[in-house]
Amino acid sequence: MAPTISAGRTTADTTVLERRPVTLVCDVTGVPPPAVTWSHDGVGVSEDGGRRRRLLKGGRVLQLTPALVDDFGVYECSAHNVVGVDRTQFRLHVLGTFTPQS
Protein backbone atom coordinates (compact mmCIF):
# COMPACT_ATOMS: atom_id res chain seq x y z
CA MET A 1 0.00 0.00 0.00
CA ALA A 2 1.44 3.34 -1.05
CA PRO A 3 2.13 5.91 1.67
CA THR A 4 -0.72 8.23 2.57
CA ILE A 5 -0.24 11.32 4.72
CA SER A 6 -3.39 12.43 6.49
CA ALA A 7 -4.14 15.75 8.13
CA GLY A 8 -2.72 15.04 11.55
CA ARG A 9 -2.55 17.12 14.66
CA THR A 10 -0.65 19.87 12.85
CA THR A 11 -2.32 22.31 10.49
CA ALA A 12 -0.77 23.37 7.19
CA ASP A 13 -0.21 26.88 8.61
CA THR A 14 1.36 26.98 12.05
CA THR A 15 2.29 30.11 13.98
CA VAL A 16 4.47 30.08 17.08
CA LEU A 17 6.14 32.73 19.21
CA GLU A 18 9.92 32.84 19.05
CA ARG A 19 11.63 30.77 21.76
CA ARG A 20 8.57 28.52 22.14
CA PRO A 21 8.61 24.85 21.12
CA VAL A 22 6.79 23.71 17.99
CA THR A 23 5.98 20.20 16.81
CA LEU A 24 5.12 19.21 13.22
CA VAL A 25 3.48 15.81 12.79
CA CYS A 26 3.59 13.77 9.58
CA ASP A 27 0.75 11.28 10.13
CA VAL A 28 1.54 8.59 7.56
CA THR A 29 0.33 5.07 6.81
CA GLY A 30 1.54 2.52 4.27
CA VAL A 31 2.71 -1.06 3.78
CA PRO A 32 5.58 -1.66 4.05
CA PRO A 33 6.03 1.13 6.64
CA PRO A 34 7.22 4.24 4.80
CA ALA A 35 10.47 6.04 5.49
CA VAL A 36 9.90 9.69 6.38
CA THR A 37 12.18 12.62 5.55
CA TRP A 38 11.80 16.35 6.18
CA SER A 39 13.04 19.41 4.32
CA HIS A 40 12.99 23.12 5.20
CA ASP A 41 12.74 25.44 2.19
CA GLY A 42 14.10 22.62 0.01
CA VAL A 43 17.04 21.67 2.26
CA GLY A 44 17.04 18.36 4.13
CA VAL A 45 16.40 18.53 7.88
CA SER A 46 18.31 16.35 10.28
CA GLU A 47 18.76 16.26 14.02
CA ASP A 48 21.38 18.58 15.42
CA GLY A 49 22.65 16.38 18.21
CA GLY A 50 19.42 16.70 20.17
CA ARG A 51 19.97 20.36 20.95
CA ARG A 52 17.21 22.15 19.01
CA ARG A 53 15.92 19.88 16.24
CA ARG A 54 14.66 16.44 17.08
CA LEU A 55 13.14 13.77 14.86
CA LEU A 56 10.88 11.48 16.87
CA LYS A 57 8.71 8.42 16.20
CA GLY A 58 10.77 7.19 13.26
CA GLY A 59 11.01 10.68 11.76
CA ARG A 60 7.26 11.25 11.74
CA VAL A 61 7.53 14.06 14.28
CA LEU A 62 9.78 17.10 13.86
CA GLN A 63 10.28 19.09 17.04
CA LEU A 64 11.97 22.50 17.23
CA THR A 65 12.83 23.43 20.81
CA PRO A 66 12.87 26.39 20.83
CA ALA A 67 11.69 27.79 17.49
CA LEU A 68 13.73 30.75 16.27
CA VAL A 69 12.80 33.40 13.72
CA ASP A 70 15.18 31.73 11.21
CA ASP A 71 13.02 28.59 11.40
CA PHE A 72 10.15 30.23 9.49
CA GLY A 73 9.38 28.86 6.05
CA VAL A 74 7.99 25.80 4.31
CA TYR A 75 8.60 22.37 5.80
CA GLU A 76 7.89 19.34 3.64
CA CYS A 77 7.30 15.85 4.96
CA SER A 78 7.97 13.11 2.40
CA ALA A 79 6.96 9.49 3.00
CA HIS A 80 8.18 6.78 0.65
CA ASN A 81 8.23 3.01 0.35
CA VAL A 82 8.62 0.57 -2.57
CA VAL A 83 5.01 1.20 -3.64
CA GLY A 84 5.02 5.00 -3.83
CA VAL A 85 5.52 8.44 -2.35
CA ASP A 86 3.34 11.04 -0.64
CA ARG A 87 4.26 14.55 0.46
CA THR A 88 2.71 17.36 2.43
CA GLN A 89 3.82 20.86 3.33
CA PHE A 90 3.57 22.95 6.47
CA ARG A 91 4.11 26.71 6.56
CA LEU A 92 5.73 27.76 9.81
CA HIS A 93 5.48 31.38 10.96
CA VAL A 94 7.68 32.37 13.88
CA LEU A 95 6.75 35.66 15.51
CA GLY A 96 9.76 37.48 16.93
CA THR A 97 9.63 39.13 20.30
CA PHE A 98 10.32 42.82 20.70
CA THR A 99 12.36 43.90 23.67
CA PRO A 100 12.36 47.68 24.19
CA GLN A 101 15.77 49.18 24.84
CA SER A 102 16.11 51.68 27.64
C-alpha atoms as a PDB file:
ATOM      1  CA  MET A   1       0.000   0.000   0.000  1.00  0.00           C
ATOM      2  CA  ALA A   2       1.439   3.338  -1.048  1.00  0.00           C
ATOM      3  CA  PRO A   3       2.127   5.908   1.673  1.00  0.00           C
ATOM      4  CA  THR A   4      -0.717   8.235   2.572  1.00  0.00           C
ATOM      5  CA  ILE A   5      -0.237  11.321   4.717  1.00  0.00           C
ATOM      6  CA  SER A   6      -3.390  12.433   6.495  1.00  0.00           C
ATOM      7  CA  ALA A   7      -4.140  15.750   8.127  1.00  0.00           C
ATOM      8  CA  GLY A   8      -2.715  15.043  11.547  1.00  0.00           C
ATOM      9  CA  ARG A   9      -2.547  17.124  14.657  1.00  0.00           C
ATOM     10  CA  THR A  10      -0.646  19.871  12.854  1.00  0.00           C
ATOM     11  CA  THR A  11      -2.322  22.309  10.491  1.00  0.00           C
ATOM     12  CA  ALA A  12      -0.768  23.368   7.188  1.00  0.00           C
ATOM     13  CA  ASP A  13      -0.209  26.878   8.615  1.00  0.00           C
ATOM     14  CA  THR A  14       1.359  26.982  12.054  1.00  0.00           C
ATOM     15  CA  THR A  15       2.294  30.108  13.981  1.00  0.00           C
ATOM     16  CA  VAL A  16       4.468  30.082  17.082  1.00  0.00           C
ATOM     17  CA  LEU A  17       6.145  32.731  19.207  1.00  0.00           C
ATOM     18  CA  GLU A  18       9.923  32.844  19.053  1.00  0.00           C
ATOM     19  CA  ARG A  19      11.627  30.773  21.761  1.00  0.00           C
ATOM     20  CA  ARG A  20       8.566  28.516  22.144  1.00  0.00           C
ATOM     21  CA  PRO A  21       8.610  24.852  21.117  1.00  0.00           C
ATOM     22  CA  VAL A  22       6.790  23.709  17.993  1.00  0.00           C
ATOM     23  CA  THR A  23       5.977  20.197  16.810  1.00  0.00           C
ATOM     24  CA  LEU A  24       5.116  19.213  13.218  1.00  0.00           C
ATOM     25  CA  VAL A  25       3.481  15.808  12.794  1.00  0.00           C
ATOM     26  CA  CYS A  26       3.587  13.770   9.580  1.00  0.00           C
ATOM     27  CA  ASP A  27       0.750  11.278  10.134  1.00  0.00           C
ATOM     28  CA  VAL A  28       1.542   8.589   7.563  1.00  0.00           C
ATOM     29  CA  THR A  29       0.332   5.068   6.812  1.00  0.00           C
ATOM     30  CA  GLY A  30       1.536   2.516   4.268  1.00  0.00           C
ATOM     31  CA  VAL A  31       2.709  -1.063   3.782  1.00  0.00           C
ATOM     32  CA  PRO A  32       5.580  -1.656   4.047  1.00  0.00           C
ATOM     33  CA  PRO A  33       6.030   1.126   6.639  1.00  0.00           C
ATOM     34  CA  PRO A  34       7.220   4.242   4.804  1.00  0.00           C
ATOM     35  CA  ALA A  35      10.474   6.038   5.495  1.00  0.00           C
ATOM     36  CA  VAL A  36       9.898   9.694   6.379  1.00  0.00           C
ATOM     37  CA  THR A  37      12.184  12.618   5.555  1.00  0.00           C
ATOM     38  CA  TRP A  38      11.804  16.345   6.181  1.00  0.00           C
ATOM     39  CA  SER A  39      13.038  19.412   4.322  1.00  0.00           C
ATOM     40  CA  HIS A  40      12.991  23.116   5.196  1.00  0.00           C
ATOM     41  CA  ASP A  41      12.738  25.436   2.186  1.00  0.00           C
ATOM     42  CA  GLY A  42      14.097  22.621   0.008  1.00  0.00           C
ATOM     43  CA  VAL A  43      17.038  21.672   2.258  1.00  0.00           C
ATOM     44  CA  GLY A  44      17.037  18.362   4.134  1.00  0.00           C
ATOM     45  CA  VAL A  45      16.401  18.531   7.876  1.00  0.00           C
ATOM     46  CA  SER A  46      18.310  16.345  10.279  1.00  0.00           C
ATOM     47  CA  GLU A  47      18.758  16.259  14.016  1.00  0.00           C
ATOM     48  CA  ASP A  48      21.377  18.584  15.423  1.00  0.00           C
ATOM     49  CA  GLY A  49      22.648  16.381  18.206  1.00  0.00           C
ATOM     50  CA  GLY A  50      19.418  16.701  20.175  1.00  0.00           C
ATOM     51  CA  ARG A  51      19.971  20.362  20.948  1.00  0.00           C
ATOM     52  CA  ARG A  52      17.210  22.147  19.012  1.00  0.00           C
ATOM     53  CA  ARG A  53      15.918  19.882  16.241  1.00  0.00           C
ATOM     54  CA  ARG A  54      14.664  16.442  17.083  1.00  0.00           C
ATOM     55  CA  LEU A  55      13.138  13.766  14.865  1.00  0.00           C
ATOM     56  CA  LEU A  56      10.884  11.476  16.875  1.00  0.00           C
ATOM     57  CA  LYS A  57       8.710   8.417  16.195  1.00  0.00           C
ATOM     58  CA  GLY A  58      10.765   7.192  13.257  1.00  0.00           C
ATOM     59  CA  GLY A  59      11.008  10.683  11.759  1.00  0.00           C
ATOM     60  CA  ARG A  60       7.264  11.255  11.736  1.00  0.00           C
ATOM     61  CA  VAL A  61       7.530  14.065  14.278  1.00  0.00           C
ATOM     62  CA  LEU A  62       9.777  17.104  13.860  1.00  0.00           C
ATOM     63  CA  GLN A  63      10.278  19.087  17.038  1.00  0.00           C
ATOM     64  CA  LEU A  64      11.970  22.497  17.232  1.00  0.00           C
ATOM     65  CA  THR A  65      12.829  23.435  20.808  1.00  0.00           C
ATOM     66  CA  PRO A  66      12.867  26.386  20.826  1.00  0.00           C
ATOM     67  CA  ALA A  67      11.691  27.794  17.494  1.00  0.00           C
ATOM     68  CA  LEU A  68      13.733  30.751  16.270  1.00  0.00           C
ATOM     69  CA  VAL A  69      12.800  33.404  13.720  1.00  0.00           C
ATOM     70  CA  ASP A  70      15.179  31.735  11.213  1.00  0.00           C
ATOM     71  CA  ASP A  71      13.019  28.591  11.396  1.00  0.00           C
ATOM     72  CA  PHE A  72      10.153  30.233   9.491  1.00  0.00           C
ATOM     73  CA  GLY A  73       9.379  28.862   6.047  1.00  0.00           C
ATOM     74  CA  VAL A  74       7.993  25.797   4.311  1.00  0.00           C
ATOM     75  CA  TYR A  75       8.596  22.365   5.802  1.00  0.00           C
ATOM     76  CA  GLU A  76       7.885  19.341   3.645  1.00  0.00           C
ATOM     77  CA  CYS A  77       7.296  15.854   4.955  1.00  0.00           C
ATOM     78  CA  SER A  78       7.971  13.108   2.405  1.00  0.00           C
ATOM     79  CA  ALA A  79       6.963   9.487   3.001  1.00  0.00           C
ATOM     80  CA  HIS A  80       8.178   6.775   0.648  1.00  0.00           C
ATOM     81  CA  ASN A  81       8.231   3.009   0.352  1.00  0.00           C
ATOM     82  CA  VAL A  82       8.624   0.572  -2.565  1.00  0.00           C
ATOM     83  CA  VAL A  83       5.012   1.196  -3.638  1.00  0.00           C
ATOM     84  CA  GLY A  84       5.023   4.995  -3.833  1.00  0.00           C
ATOM     85  CA  VAL A  85       5.525   8.435  -2.353  1.00  0.00           C
ATOM     86  CA  ASP A  86       3.339  11.037  -0.644  1.00  0.00           C
ATOM     87  CA  ARG A  87       4.259  14.549   0.455  1.00  0.00           C
ATOM     88  CA  THR A  88       2.707  17.355   2.428  1.00  0.00           C
ATOM     89  CA  GLN A  89       3.816  20.859   3.332  1.00  0.00           C
ATOM     90  CA  PHE A  90       3.572  22.947   6.468  1.00  0.00           C
ATOM     91  CA  ARG A  91       4.105  26.710   6.557  1.00  0.00           C
ATOM     92  CA  LEU A  92       5.729  27.764   9.810  1.00  0.00           C
ATOM     93  CA  HIS A  93       5.479  31.376  10.955  1.00  0.00           C
ATOM     94  CA  VAL A  94       7.682  32.372  13.882  1.00  0.00           C
ATOM     95  CA  LEU A  95       6.751  35.656  15.513  1.00  0.00           C
ATOM     96  CA  GLY A  96       9.759  37.478  16.927  1.00  0.00           C
ATOM     97  CA  THR A  97       9.630  39.129  20.296  1.00  0.00           C
ATOM     98  CA  PHE A  98      10.321  42.818  20.698  1.00  0.00           C
ATOM     99  CA  THR A  99      12.360  43.900  23.674  1.00  0.00           C
ATOM    100  CA  PRO A 100      12.362  47.677  24.189  1.00  0.00           C
ATOM    101  CA  GLN A 101      15.766  49.177  24.838  1.00  0.00           C
ATOM    102  CA  SER A 102      16.110  51.684  27.639  1.00  0.00           C
END
